[in-house]
Structures are given as C-alpha cells and as structure tokens.
N, C-alpha and C. Protein backbone atom coordinates (compact mmCIF):
# COMPACT_ATOMS: atom_id res chain seq x y z
N MET A 1 5.45 12.64 -6.51
CA MET A 1 5.05 13.00 -5.76
C MET A 1 5.29 13.34 -4.78
N THR A 2 4.72 14.53 -4.07
CA THR A 2 5.60 14.70 -2.29
C THR A 2 4.76 13.46 -1.66
N ALA A 3 6.00 13.22 -0.80
CA ALA A 3 5.63 11.81 0.39
C ALA A 3 4.61 12.55 1.84
N THR A 4 3.59 12.72 1.17
CA THR A 4 2.40 12.72 2.36
C THR A 4 0.69 11.64 1.69
N PRO A 5 0.10 11.55 3.25
CA PRO A 5 -0.81 11.29 2.41
C PRO A 5 -1.99 10.68 1.65
N GLU A 6 -2.25 12.84 1.92
CA GLU A 6 -3.04 13.01 0.82
C GLU A 6 -2.41 12.98 -0.69
N SER A 7 -0.94 13.01 -0.56
CA SER A 7 -0.69 12.89 -2.26
C SER A 7 -0.49 10.73 -2.94
N ALA A 8 -0.54 9.84 -1.58
CA ALA A 8 -1.37 9.10 -1.67
C ALA A 8 -2.23 8.45 -1.92
N TYR A 9 -3.66 8.88 -1.39
CA TYR A 9 -4.09 9.22 -1.53
C TYR A 9 -5.13 9.51 -2.62
N ARG A 10 -4.19 10.60 -3.50
CA ARG A 10 -4.88 11.25 -4.79
C ARG A 10 -3.67 10.04 -5.39
N PHE A 11 -2.99 9.71 -5.43
CA PHE A 11 -2.09 8.97 -6.37
C PHE A 11 -2.79 7.42 -6.47
N ARG A 12 -3.93 7.11 -5.88
CA ARG A 12 -4.31 6.27 -5.50
C ARG A 12 -5.40 6.45 -6.86
N GLN A 13 -5.84 7.70 -6.60
CA GLN A 13 -7.24 7.54 -7.50
C GLN A 13 -6.66 7.25 -8.98
N LEU A 14 -5.44 8.19 -9.01
CA LEU A 14 -4.86 8.55 -10.58
C LEU A 14 -4.16 7.35 -11.15
N PHE A 15 -3.59 6.26 -10.03
CA PHE A 15 -3.05 4.67 -11.23
C PHE A 15 -4.37 3.75 -11.29
N ALA A 16 -5.64 3.95 -10.51
CA ALA A 16 -6.10 3.20 -10.80
C ALA A 16 -6.87 3.46 -12.34
N GLN A 17 -7.34 4.92 -12.12
CA GLN A 17 -6.95 5.65 -13.85
C GLN A 17 -6.64 4.44 -14.75
N TRP A 18 -5.11 5.09 -14.58
CA TRP A 18 -4.19 4.74 -15.53
C TRP A 18 -4.29 2.93 -15.33
N LEU A 19 -4.35 2.49 -14.58
CA LEU A 19 -4.42 1.04 -14.69
C LEU A 19 -5.79 0.35 -15.83
N ASP A 20 -6.44 1.12 -15.52
CA ASP A 20 -8.25 1.15 -16.20
C ASP A 20 -7.75 0.86 -17.27
N ALA A 21 -7.00 2.19 -18.14
CA ALA A 21 -6.70 2.90 -19.51
C ALA A 21 -6.25 1.33 -20.00
N THR A 22 -4.64 1.17 -19.05
CA THR A 22 -3.98 0.42 -20.21
C THR A 22 -3.98 -0.49 -19.83
N ILE A 23 -4.65 -1.76 -19.08
CA ILE A 23 -4.79 -2.63 -19.67
C ILE A 23 -5.99 -3.44 -18.77
N SER A 24 -6.20 -4.87 -19.00
CA SER A 24 -7.82 -5.29 -18.96
C SER A 24 -7.43 -6.28 -17.80
N VAL A 25 -7.79 -6.41 -16.96
CA VAL A 25 -7.75 -7.38 -15.35
C VAL A 25 -9.61 -7.10 -15.01
N ASP A 26 -9.88 -8.89 -14.45
CA ASP A 26 -10.73 -8.46 -13.57
C ASP A 26 -11.36 -8.32 -13.04
N ALA A 27 -12.03 -7.32 -12.02
CA ALA A 27 -12.22 -6.91 -11.34
C ALA A 27 -11.82 -7.39 -9.88
N GLU A 28 -11.28 -8.74 -8.85
CA GLU A 28 -10.54 -8.98 -8.24
C GLU A 28 -8.86 -8.40 -8.30
N ARG A 29 -8.68 -8.81 -9.28
CA ARG A 29 -7.18 -8.39 -9.76
C ARG A 29 -6.42 -7.60 -10.09
N ARG A 30 -7.86 -6.17 -10.30
CA ARG A 30 -7.98 -4.87 -10.46
C ARG A 30 -7.31 -3.96 -8.76
N SER A 31 -8.03 -4.91 -7.79
CA SER A 31 -8.30 -4.68 -6.66
C SER A 31 -6.94 -4.61 -6.48
N ASP A 32 -6.64 -6.06 -5.95
CA ASP A 32 -5.39 -6.56 -5.61
C ASP A 32 -3.84 -5.55 -6.11
N ILE A 33 -4.12 -5.46 -7.20
CA ILE A 33 -2.56 -4.43 -7.89
C ILE A 33 -3.21 -3.19 -7.37
N VAL A 34 -4.66 -2.57 -7.14
CA VAL A 34 -4.05 -0.96 -7.06
C VAL A 34 -3.89 -0.67 -5.12
N LEU A 35 -4.66 -1.85 -5.17
CA LEU A 35 -4.56 -1.66 -3.30
C LEU A 35 -2.48 -1.53 -3.01
N ALA A 36 -1.79 -2.87 -3.44
CA ALA A 36 -0.62 -3.18 -2.95
C ALA A 36 0.12 -1.91 -3.56
N VAL A 37 -0.31 -1.42 -4.45
CA VAL A 37 0.56 -0.31 -5.43
C VAL A 37 0.66 1.05 -4.49
N TYR A 38 -0.66 1.28 -4.01
CA TYR A 38 -1.60 2.15 -2.91
C TYR A 38 -0.41 1.79 -1.86
N GLU A 39 -0.66 0.55 -1.16
CA GLU A 39 0.26 0.09 0.21
C GLU A 39 1.47 0.88 -0.12
N ALA A 40 2.42 0.29 -1.03
CA ALA A 40 4.23 0.79 -1.47
C ALA A 40 4.03 1.80 -1.13
N VAL A 41 3.16 2.54 -1.46
CA VAL A 41 3.44 4.85 -1.94
C VAL A 41 3.08 5.16 -0.42
N ALA A 42 1.90 4.42 0.26
CA ALA A 42 1.57 5.30 1.54
C ALA A 42 2.36 4.64 2.35
N ASN A 43 3.60 2.89 2.23
CA ASN A 43 4.18 3.07 3.58
C ASN A 43 5.82 4.35 3.08
N ALA A 44 5.82 4.72 1.89
CA ALA A 44 6.97 5.54 1.38
C ALA A 44 6.54 6.83 2.25
N ALA A 45 5.57 7.19 1.83
CA ALA A 45 4.90 8.78 2.24
C ALA A 45 4.89 8.53 3.88
N GLU A 46 4.83 7.53 4.61
CA GLU A 46 4.78 8.03 6.16
C GLU A 46 6.30 7.00 6.80
N HIS A 47 6.84 6.34 6.32
CA HIS A 47 8.22 5.90 6.80
C HIS A 47 9.32 6.34 5.48
N ALA A 48 9.73 6.57 4.52
CA ALA A 48 10.80 7.03 4.09
C ALA A 48 11.78 8.50 5.03
N TYR A 49 10.80 9.42 5.20
CA TYR A 49 11.54 10.35 5.34
C TYR A 49 11.34 10.68 6.68
N ALA A 50 12.28 11.02 7.38
CA ALA A 50 12.28 10.97 9.11
C ALA A 50 11.71 12.31 9.27
N ALA A 51 11.21 13.32 10.38
CA ALA A 51 10.59 14.08 10.41
C ALA A 51 11.24 14.87 12.24
N ASP A 52 11.31 15.64 12.75
CA ASP A 52 11.70 16.04 13.52
C ASP A 52 10.88 16.06 14.23
N ALA A 53 10.93 15.74 15.65
CA ALA A 53 10.12 14.73 16.95
C ALA A 53 9.51 16.39 17.18
N HIS A 54 9.88 17.53 17.54
CA HIS A 54 8.76 18.75 17.69
C HIS A 54 7.97 19.38 16.57
N SER A 55 8.92 19.70 15.40
CA SER A 55 8.11 20.77 14.24
C SER A 55 7.39 19.50 13.26
N GLY A 56 7.71 18.37 13.13
CA GLY A 56 6.97 17.52 12.59
C GLY A 56 7.26 17.95 10.79
N SER A 57 8.18 18.37 10.68
CA SER A 57 8.70 18.65 9.55
C SER A 57 10.11 18.04 9.10
N PRO A 58 10.53 17.89 8.10
CA PRO A 58 11.41 16.83 7.60
C PRO A 58 12.51 17.66 8.29
N ALA A 59 13.31 16.45 8.51
CA ALA A 59 14.62 16.62 9.88
C ALA A 59 15.51 17.98 8.79
N SER A 60 16.90 18.69 9.40
CA SER A 60 17.65 19.14 8.93
C SER A 60 18.37 18.74 8.03
N GLY A 61 18.13 19.24 6.12
CA GLY A 61 19.62 18.21 5.67
C GLY A 61 18.67 17.18 5.24
N ALA A 62 17.68 16.95 5.87
CA ALA A 62 16.75 15.54 5.23
C ALA A 62 16.57 15.90 3.61
N PRO A 63 15.53 15.25 3.34
CA PRO A 63 15.27 15.36 1.66
C PRO A 63 14.26 16.18 1.67
N SER A 64 13.17 16.21 0.48
CA SER A 64 12.31 17.40 1.13
C SER A 64 11.03 16.16 0.83
N GLY A 65 11.14 14.65 0.48
CA GLY A 65 10.37 13.96 0.45
C GLY A 65 9.39 13.72 -0.99
N ALA A 66 10.22 13.11 -1.72
CA ALA A 66 9.68 12.89 -3.10
C ALA A 66 9.21 11.38 -3.36
N ILE A 67 8.49 10.75 -3.84
CA ILE A 67 8.72 9.86 -4.49
C ILE A 67 8.00 9.22 -5.76
N GLU A 68 8.81 7.96 -5.81
CA GLU A 68 8.92 8.54 -7.36
C GLU A 68 7.71 6.91 -7.88
N VAL A 69 6.94 6.67 -8.69
CA VAL A 69 6.26 5.48 -9.46
C VAL A 69 6.74 5.13 -10.37
N ARG A 70 7.11 4.43 -11.31
CA ARG A 70 6.66 3.81 -12.71
C ARG A 70 6.23 2.47 -12.77
N ALA A 71 5.34 2.65 -13.80
CA ALA A 71 4.41 1.76 -13.97
C ALA A 71 5.03 0.99 -16.02
N GLN A 72 5.01 -0.10 -15.53
CA GLN A 72 5.00 -0.66 -17.24
C GLN A 72 4.76 -1.60 -17.60
N THR A 73 3.58 -2.46 -18.41
CA THR A 73 3.66 -3.31 -18.84
C THR A 73 4.73 -3.89 -19.63
N THR A 74 4.57 -5.47 -19.55
CA THR A 74 6.52 -6.33 -20.56
C THR A 74 5.24 -7.09 -21.53
N ARG A 75 6.25 -7.12 -22.66
CA ARG A 75 5.96 -8.50 -23.67
C ARG A 75 5.08 -9.55 -22.75
N GLU A 76 5.59 -9.91 -22.13
CA GLU A 76 4.90 -11.20 -21.26
C GLU A 76 3.96 -10.98 -20.56
N GLU A 77 2.93 -9.77 -21.53
CA GLU A 77 1.92 -9.08 -20.58
C GLU A 77 1.92 -9.51 -18.92
N SER A 78 2.60 -8.55 -18.22
CA SER A 78 3.22 -8.55 -16.60
C SER A 78 2.77 -7.16 -16.96
N LEU A 79 2.73 -6.84 -15.44
CA LEU A 79 2.28 -5.38 -15.20
C LEU A 79 3.90 -5.39 -14.17
N GLU A 80 4.62 -4.66 -14.41
CA GLU A 80 5.72 -3.90 -13.68
C GLU A 80 5.25 -2.92 -12.94
N VAL A 81 5.50 -2.43 -11.18
CA VAL A 81 5.52 -1.09 -10.93
C VAL A 81 6.26 -1.29 -9.64
N THR A 82 7.10 0.15 -9.96
CA THR A 82 8.50 0.46 -8.81
C THR A 82 8.03 1.56 -7.93
N VAL A 83 8.41 1.61 -6.82
CA VAL A 83 7.78 2.96 -5.99
C VAL A 83 9.12 3.34 -5.31
N THR A 84 9.82 4.14 -5.20
CA THR A 84 11.09 4.53 -5.13
C THR A 84 11.20 5.85 -4.10
N ASP A 85 11.49 6.04 -3.16
CA ASP A 85 12.22 6.56 -2.20
C ASP A 85 13.37 7.56 -2.39
N ALA A 86 13.68 8.29 -1.59
CA ALA A 86 15.66 8.32 -1.31
C ALA A 86 15.90 8.78 -0.18
N GLY A 87 14.89 8.80 0.83
CA GLY A 87 14.83 8.54 2.13
C GLY A 87 15.58 7.47 3.05
N ARG A 88 15.14 7.75 4.44
CA ARG A 88 15.65 6.65 5.54
C ARG A 88 14.62 6.32 6.16
N TRP A 89 14.15 5.32 6.47
CA TRP A 89 13.15 4.54 7.15
C TRP A 89 13.32 5.17 8.25
N LYS A 90 11.87 5.80 8.84
CA LYS A 90 12.16 5.99 10.12
C LYS A 90 10.36 4.92 10.50
N SER A 91 10.30 4.70 11.85
CA SER A 91 10.50 3.46 12.55
C SER A 91 8.73 3.87 12.90
N ASP A 92 7.38 3.35 13.32
CA ASP A 92 6.27 4.15 13.77
C ASP A 92 6.93 3.71 15.40
N ALA A 93 6.34 4.83 16.46
CA ALA A 93 6.60 4.57 17.03
C ALA A 93 5.00 4.11 17.83
N SER A 94 4.09 3.72 17.75
CA SER A 94 2.61 3.03 17.99
C SER A 94 2.87 1.52 18.30
N SER A 95 2.92 1.23 19.18
CA SER A 95 1.98 0.17 19.65
C SER A 95 1.13 -0.65 19.31
N SER A 96 0.11 0.07 18.12
CA SER A 96 -1.17 -0.27 17.71
C SER A 96 -0.64 -1.95 17.27
N PRO A 97 -1.38 -2.80 17.16
CA PRO A 97 -1.37 -4.44 16.55
C PRO A 97 -1.96 -4.33 15.76
N TYR A 98 -2.15 -2.99 15.11
CA TYR A 98 -3.01 -3.14 13.50
C TYR A 98 -2.06 -2.12 12.49
N ARG A 99 -0.82 -2.29 13.16
CA ARG A 99 0.50 -1.32 11.99
C ARG A 99 0.57 -2.56 12.42
N GLY A 100 1.89 -2.25 11.13
CA GLY A 100 3.48 -3.10 10.87
C GLY A 100 2.86 -4.56 9.86
N ARG A 101 1.42 -4.38 8.80
CA ARG A 101 1.58 -5.05 7.64
C ARG A 101 1.52 -4.57 6.37
N GLY A 102 2.16 -3.39 6.02
CA GLY A 102 1.90 -3.60 5.10
C GLY A 102 2.46 -4.26 3.60
N LEU A 103 3.99 -4.63 4.63
CA LEU A 103 4.82 -5.56 3.22
C LEU A 103 3.77 -6.93 3.08
N ALA A 104 3.85 -7.65 4.47
CA ALA A 104 2.82 -8.83 4.36
C ALA A 104 1.81 -8.52 3.07
N LEU A 105 0.92 -7.97 3.01
CA LEU A 105 0.03 -7.18 2.18
C LEU A 105 0.34 -7.23 0.65
N ILE A 106 1.47 -6.34 0.73
CA ILE A 106 2.38 -6.46 -0.19
C ILE A 106 2.39 -7.35 -1.22
N SER A 107 3.30 -8.38 -0.49
CA SER A 107 3.96 -9.80 -0.90
C SER A 107 2.32 -10.66 -1.11
N ALA A 108 1.67 -10.30 -0.41
CA ALA A 108 -0.05 -11.50 -1.13
C ALA A 108 -0.98 -10.96 -1.85
N LEU A 109 -0.58 -10.00 -2.46
CA LEU A 109 -1.86 -9.21 -3.23
C LEU A 109 -1.15 -9.06 -4.62
N SER A 110 0.47 -9.11 -4.40
CA SER A 110 1.65 -9.07 -6.32
C SER A 110 1.94 -10.66 -6.43
N ASP A 111 2.24 -10.98 -7.44
CA ASP A 111 2.81 -12.38 -7.88
C ASP A 111 4.19 -12.31 -7.70
N ALA A 112 4.75 -10.92 -6.81
CA ALA A 112 6.11 -10.59 -6.74
C ALA A 112 6.23 -9.72 -6.65
N SER A 113 7.25 -9.85 -5.34
CA SER A 113 7.97 -8.30 -5.21
C SER A 113 8.81 -8.40 -4.01
N ASP A 114 9.86 -7.11 -4.26
CA ASP A 114 11.32 -7.31 -4.31
C ASP A 114 11.45 -5.82 -3.32
N VAL A 115 11.85 -5.77 -2.12
CA VAL A 115 12.28 -4.61 -1.36
C VAL A 115 14.21 -4.48 -1.62
N SER A 116 14.02 -3.40 -1.96
CA SER A 116 15.99 -3.49 -2.05
C SER A 116 15.97 -1.68 -1.04
N SER A 117 16.72 -1.20 0.16
CA SER A 117 16.69 -1.01 0.54
C SER A 117 17.97 -0.34 1.31
N GLY A 118 18.73 0.85 1.40
CA GLY A 118 19.85 1.07 1.53
C GLY A 118 20.73 2.77 1.57
N PRO A 119 21.27 3.43 1.98
CA PRO A 119 21.79 4.98 2.07
C PRO A 119 21.17 5.51 0.80
N GLY A 120 20.37 5.38 -0.01
CA GLY A 120 20.18 5.73 -0.65
C GLY A 120 18.44 6.02 -1.00
N GLY A 121 18.04 5.33 -0.47
CA GLY A 121 16.61 5.21 -0.33
C GLY A 121 16.30 3.44 -0.34
N THR A 122 14.35 3.54 -0.17
CA THR A 122 13.85 2.35 -0.80
C THR A 122 13.88 1.84 -2.18
N SER A 123 13.64 0.62 -2.64
CA SER A 123 12.88 0.82 -3.68
C SER A 123 11.85 -0.89 -3.71
N VAL A 124 10.81 -0.57 -4.03
CA VAL A 124 9.80 -1.42 -3.93
C VAL A 124 9.01 -2.14 -5.47
N THR A 125 9.48 -3.64 -5.97
CA THR A 125 8.93 -3.39 -7.11
C THR A 125 8.21 -4.57 -7.04
N LEU A 126 6.55 -4.37 -7.65
CA LEU A 126 6.01 -5.54 -7.77
C LEU A 126 5.36 -5.79 -9.14
N THR A 127 5.37 -7.46 -8.91
CA THR A 127 4.98 -7.46 -10.43
C THR A 127 3.65 -8.47 -10.27
N TRP A 128 3.04 -8.85 -11.27
CA TRP A 128 2.36 -9.14 -11.86
C TRP A 128 1.86 -10.28 -13.21
N HIS A 129 1.96 -10.96 -13.09
CA HIS A 129 2.33 -11.78 -14.20
C HIS A 129 1.01 -12.16 -15.40
N GLN A 130 0.25 -13.16 -16.58
CA GLN A 130 -0.48 -13.29 -17.07
C GLN A 130 -1.40 -12.68 -16.06
N ARG A 131 -2.90 -13.04 -17.15
CA ARG A 131 -4.26 -12.81 -16.50
C ARG A 131 -4.12 -11.02 -16.91
N LEU A 132 -3.58 -10.89 -17.64
CA LEU A 132 -3.64 -9.25 -17.77
C LEU A 132 -4.01 -9.19 -19.51
N SER A 133 -4.60 -8.82 -20.14
CA SER A 133 -4.73 -7.98 -21.16
C SER A 133 -3.78 -6.38 -21.77
N VAL A 134 -3.36 -6.57 -22.54
CA VAL A 134 -2.31 -5.04 -23.03
C VAL A 134 -3.32 -4.35 -23.85
C-alpha cells in the first residue's frame, strides 16, 4: 500500500475483514490485534518516508512510499504479522504529549513484537500465540 494516512485507514478495515475470515478470536483479542497492526502501519505511513519541508512531498531520491504487510498463521495456532517499509525514520517535530506512544502500544497489545531498522527500512513483526482458532 502507499504510505498515507488514508491508505492506513482503508487497510485497517480490510485487515479486520481478513482477520475475521481467517481466525476465530474473542472480541477483545480481535480488537487488540487490529489496533496493534494498524498502529504499525500508521507509524510507517507517518514516519518512514521523509518529506520535503517545503512541499510535503517525498524528498528527491526518496522511495515512493510503499508499505508491505504480510500476515500468516502457524501450525502452533499463532498469528504473525510483519509490516515493512523501505524508508528512513522521520521524526515528528510536534511536542504534543499525546504523541510517541505507538511502539509501546504495539508491545502492550501483542504477545511479542520486534522492530528492526536499518538503511533499507524498518520491519515490525507482531505475534499472538494460542487463543486463536485457525
């Protein structure tokens, strides 16, 4: 998907539909999964691709702004979702006290999470174990 807030919002709806069709979880667990995955996608949409300070468009030479999401269930009845971008982290200049809680939220809502970042981009992997009916 393209790294925009609109795409992230649409993805959230599509992911929830996919989740409902793929596994069976209680309403609270479903909500946790959808929110955590959405937060990872929204973080990539907001922070991965540096924008030109004057135009708001990607800086010259920057990637077009793609986000890839892969989700799979395992034999152990776990769900693993990986959100990957090819950008470089762009900090939010806002000093709002309500910002900067995305990774903590992701960690709290998933059974396990891992963030790896480097020159080629960032990958966030979220895992939920058991309590899933595949």
